[in-house]
Structures are given as C-alpha cells and as structure tokens.
Protein backbone atom coordinates (compact mmCIF):
# COMPACT_ATOMS: atom_id res chain seq x y z
CA MET A 1 6.75 13.82 -8.77
CA GLU A 2 6.62 13.83 -4.85
CA SER A 3 7.79 10.66 -2.65
CA LYS A 4 7.00 10.06 0.75
CA PRO A 5 9.46 9.53 3.67
CA GLU A 6 10.51 6.19 4.19
CA GLU A 7 8.94 4.49 7.19
CA LYS A 8 11.76 2.53 9.18
CA ILE A 9 11.02 -1.39 9.60
CA LYS A 10 8.82 -1.73 12.65
CA ILE A 11 10.63 -5.36 14.71
CA LEU A 12 9.30 -6.86 17.71
CA TYR A 13 11.71 -8.36 19.58
CA VAL A 14 10.66 -11.11 22.20
CA ASP A 15 13.09 -12.84 25.06
CA ASP A 16 12.59 -13.11 28.60
CA GLU A 17 15.74 -11.91 29.42
CA GLU A 18 15.44 -8.09 29.99
CA ASN A 19 19.30 -7.77 29.17
CA ASN A 20 18.85 -8.89 25.76
CA LEU A 21 15.89 -6.63 24.88
CA GLN A 22 17.64 -3.46 26.49
CA ALA A 23 20.91 -4.64 23.80
CA PHE A 24 18.92 -5.00 20.99
CA LYS A 25 17.42 -1.73 21.29
CA ALA A 26 20.48 0.30 21.78
CA THR A 27 21.56 -1.51 18.85
CA PHE A 28 19.35 -1.17 16.39
CA ARG A 29 16.86 1.54 17.36
CA ARG A 30 18.37 4.55 15.08
CA ASP A 31 17.60 2.34 12.31
CA TYR A 32 14.42 0.63 12.80
CA LYS A 33 11.16 1.02 15.39
CA ILE A 34 11.79 -1.59 17.98
CA PHE A 35 8.75 -2.93 19.94
CA LEU A 36 10.15 -4.72 22.85
CA ALA A 37 8.19 -7.75 25.42
CA ILE A 38 9.30 -9.79 27.87
CA GLY A 39 7.37 -12.40 27.31
CA ALA A 40 4.45 -13.65 24.37
CA ASN A 41 2.11 -12.17 26.25
CA GLU A 42 3.54 -8.79 26.03
CA ALA A 43 4.39 -9.27 22.79
CA ARG A 44 0.54 -10.46 21.43
CA GLN A 45 -0.99 -7.07 22.89
CA ILE A 46 2.06 -5.00 21.07
CA LEU A 47 0.43 -7.33 17.94
CA LYS A 48 -3.21 -5.68 18.82
CA ASP A 49 -2.10 -2.55 18.98
CA GLU A 50 1.00 -2.02 16.37
CA GLU A 51 1.21 -3.38 12.81
CA ILE A 52 4.73 -5.09 12.70
CA ASP A 53 6.98 -6.01 9.96
CA LEU A 54 9.19 -8.32 11.78
CA ILE A 55 9.34 -10.63 14.78
CA ILE A 56 12.15 -11.61 16.09
CA THR A 57 11.83 -14.11 19.27
CA ASP A 58 14.03 -15.94 21.58
CA GLN A 59 13.46 -19.88 21.18
CA ARG A 60 13.56 -21.01 25.18
CA MET A 61 11.14 -18.47 27.26
CA PRO A 62 9.45 -19.79 30.88
CA GLU A 63 5.89 -19.76 29.51
CA GLU A 64 6.02 -20.87 25.84
CA THR A 65 8.87 -21.53 23.72
CA GLY A 66 9.19 -18.88 20.62
CA VAL A 67 7.72 -21.20 18.42
CA GLU A 68 4.90 -21.98 19.96
CA PHE A 69 4.37 -18.15 20.35
CA LEU A 70 5.19 -17.93 16.51
CA GLU A 71 2.65 -21.04 15.43
CA SER A 72 -0.23 -19.26 17.86
CA ILE A 73 -0.23 -16.00 15.94
CA ILE A 74 -0.19 -17.07 12.48
CA PRO A 75 -3.64 -17.47 12.47
CA ILE A 76 -4.54 -13.85 14.01
CA TYR A 77 -0.91 -12.03 12.24
CA PRO A 78 0.17 -14.30 8.94
CA ASP A 79 1.69 -10.80 7.63
CA PRO A 80 5.10 -10.00 10.10
CA ILE A 81 8.25 -12.01 8.61
CA ARG A 82 9.24 -14.25 12.04
CA VAL A 83 13.01 -15.21 12.89
CA LEU A 84 14.03 -17.34 16.01
CA LEU A 85 17.05 -16.86 17.95
CA THR A 86 18.46 -19.03 20.57
CA GLY A 87 21.39 -20.19 22.59
CA TYR A 88 21.31 -23.32 22.26
CA THR A 89 21.59 -25.59 19.06
CA ASP A 90 18.26 -27.66 19.24
CA ILE A 91 17.54 -29.44 15.83
CA GLN A 92 14.27 -29.95 16.92
CA ALA A 93 13.53 -26.57 17.52
CA VAL A 94 14.65 -25.55 13.98
CA ILE A 95 12.28 -28.22 12.48
CA ASP A 96 9.19 -27.13 14.72
CA ALA A 97 10.60 -23.56 13.40
CA ILE A 98 10.37 -23.82 10.19
CA ASN A 99 7.04 -26.42 9.92
CA LYS A 100 5.16 -25.14 12.73
CA GLY A 101 6.22 -21.21 13.42
CA GLN A 102 6.59 -20.58 9.43
CA VAL A 103 10.35 -19.03 9.98
CA TYR A 104 11.96 -17.22 7.69
CA HIS A 105 15.49 -17.32 9.67
CA TYR A 106 17.19 -19.26 12.99
CA LEU A 107 19.92 -17.36 13.98
CA THR A 108 22.06 -18.39 17.19
CA LYS A 109 23.06 -15.96 20.55
CA PRO A 110 24.61 -14.66 20.69
CA TRP A 111 23.78 -12.43 17.51
CA GLU A 112 26.28 -10.70 15.44
CA GLU A 113 25.21 -7.07 14.67
CA ASP A 114 26.12 -6.91 10.76
CA TYR A 115 24.71 -10.40 9.99
CA LEU A 116 21.63 -9.67 12.18
CA ARG A 117 21.28 -6.80 9.61
CA THR A 118 21.54 -8.15 6.56
CA VAL A 119 18.83 -10.90 7.99
CA ILE A 120 16.70 -7.75 8.46
CA LYS A 121 17.00 -6.72 5.57
CA ASN A 122 16.82 -9.45 3.52
CA ALA A 123 13.55 -9.79 5.87
CA PHE A 124 12.12 -6.98 4.96
CA GLU A 125 12.61 -7.56 0.81
CA VAL A 126 10.66 -10.80 1.41
CA TYR A 127 8.00 -9.04 3.30
CA THR A 128 7.64 -5.81 0.56
CA LEU A 129 7.75 -8.17 -2.01
CA ARG A 130 4.34 -10.29 -0.44
CA ARG A 131 2.74 -7.71 0.22
CA GLU A 132 3.40 -5.99 -3.29
CA ASN A 133 2.08 -9.73 -4.51
CA GLU A 134 -0.95 -9.43 -2.89
CA ARG A 135 -1.89 -5.69 -3.75
CA LEU A 136 -0.95 -7.00 -7.55
CA THR A 137 -3.36 -10.43 -7.51
CA GLN A 138 -5.97 -8.39 -5.94
CA ALA A 139 -6.13 -5.56 -8.54
CA LEU A 140 -6.16 -8.45 -10.97
CA ILE A 141 -9.01 -9.80 -9.83
CA LYS A 142 -10.81 -6.79 -10.10
CA ALA A 143 -9.74 -5.93 -13.13
CA ASN A 144 -11.17 -9.81 -14.42
CA GLU A 145 -14.35 -9.09 -12.50
CA GLN A 146 -14.73 -5.92 -14.59
CA LEU A 147 -13.84 -7.55 -17.96
CA GLU A 148 -16.14 -10.38 -17.30
CA PHE A 149 -19.19 -7.57 -16.56
CA LEU A 150 -17.86 -6.03 -19.92
CA LEU A 151 -18.26 -9.00 -21.77
CA ARG A 152 -21.65 -10.27 -20.30
CA GLN A 153 -23.08 -7.08 -21.45
CA ASN A 154 -21.57 -7.28 -24.95
CA LEU A 155 -22.93 -10.73 -25.18
CA LEU A 156 -26.47 -9.51 -24.04
CA SER A 157 -26.40 -6.22 -26.27
C-alpha cells in the first residue's frame, strides 16, 4: 500500500509588527508552511489564494483587532482553526475571542516556542478531526439516500 507524503500544516500568521512576523517564520518555517500578513487586509488576500489550516493573529492591530478580523472571516472561511495572540491580558478580548472569533486558543506574547508547537499540533488535530467528521457525515448522508431509494424500489415492486 502506497502512502502519500504528509503535507505541512499551512499557518497564516497575522501581526502588524514585521519583527514578530519574521521571528515566527524563522522559528517555524522548517516544520510548517508559513504565510505572513502585516494586517487583516493582507491576510484576507492570502485566504483567497491559499487553503489555510490554522490562523494565528495578534489582537492589537491598527486597522482592526484580531477578534474583529477572525469574526469577519468566519462566514467565508469557517474551517481554519483560530489562535489569538496578544501582549496584553485583556479579559474582554479573551471573552470576545471565544464568543465572536471562535478562537481555539488564546496565547500571550512573547510566545514560548515549545508551548506554541504543542498548541499548533493540538489545533491541527482538531482541524483534521473536523474535516474527517464532515467527510464521514457526507458519506453517511449518501448511503442513507441510496438505502431510501432501494427501499422505495422494493416497496413499489
């Protein structure tokens, strides 16, 4: 049985500070496929062009907050797992992140490499399980439709 090579997790990292973007990329580029955005508008363009598995965004950005960005993309891009990163401990941001941005995890800056790797690994497991659940649900719906068709045929004959 031939197995296909495992694709790298695709991560979109959104931050308004170039130094943070470059530090993230330098740290994780070997393990993940990294996409960087200096703000929400650039991030939206990347989402249009790429199938992203995980979005990590800074909370405090000039144009819109991380929560506002995450909330705005949910209708169009519901699948990526969302992680919010902030240098501030703002409890309202945490509440908004969970309620409005459907955030999987909330991290404080500066992030610790090993912990962030664990969060990414766990988030990707959730992402993979959700996709598999959707695939199985669709297969079950199709099987049920086929069974209903066969049952109707048997009832008519």
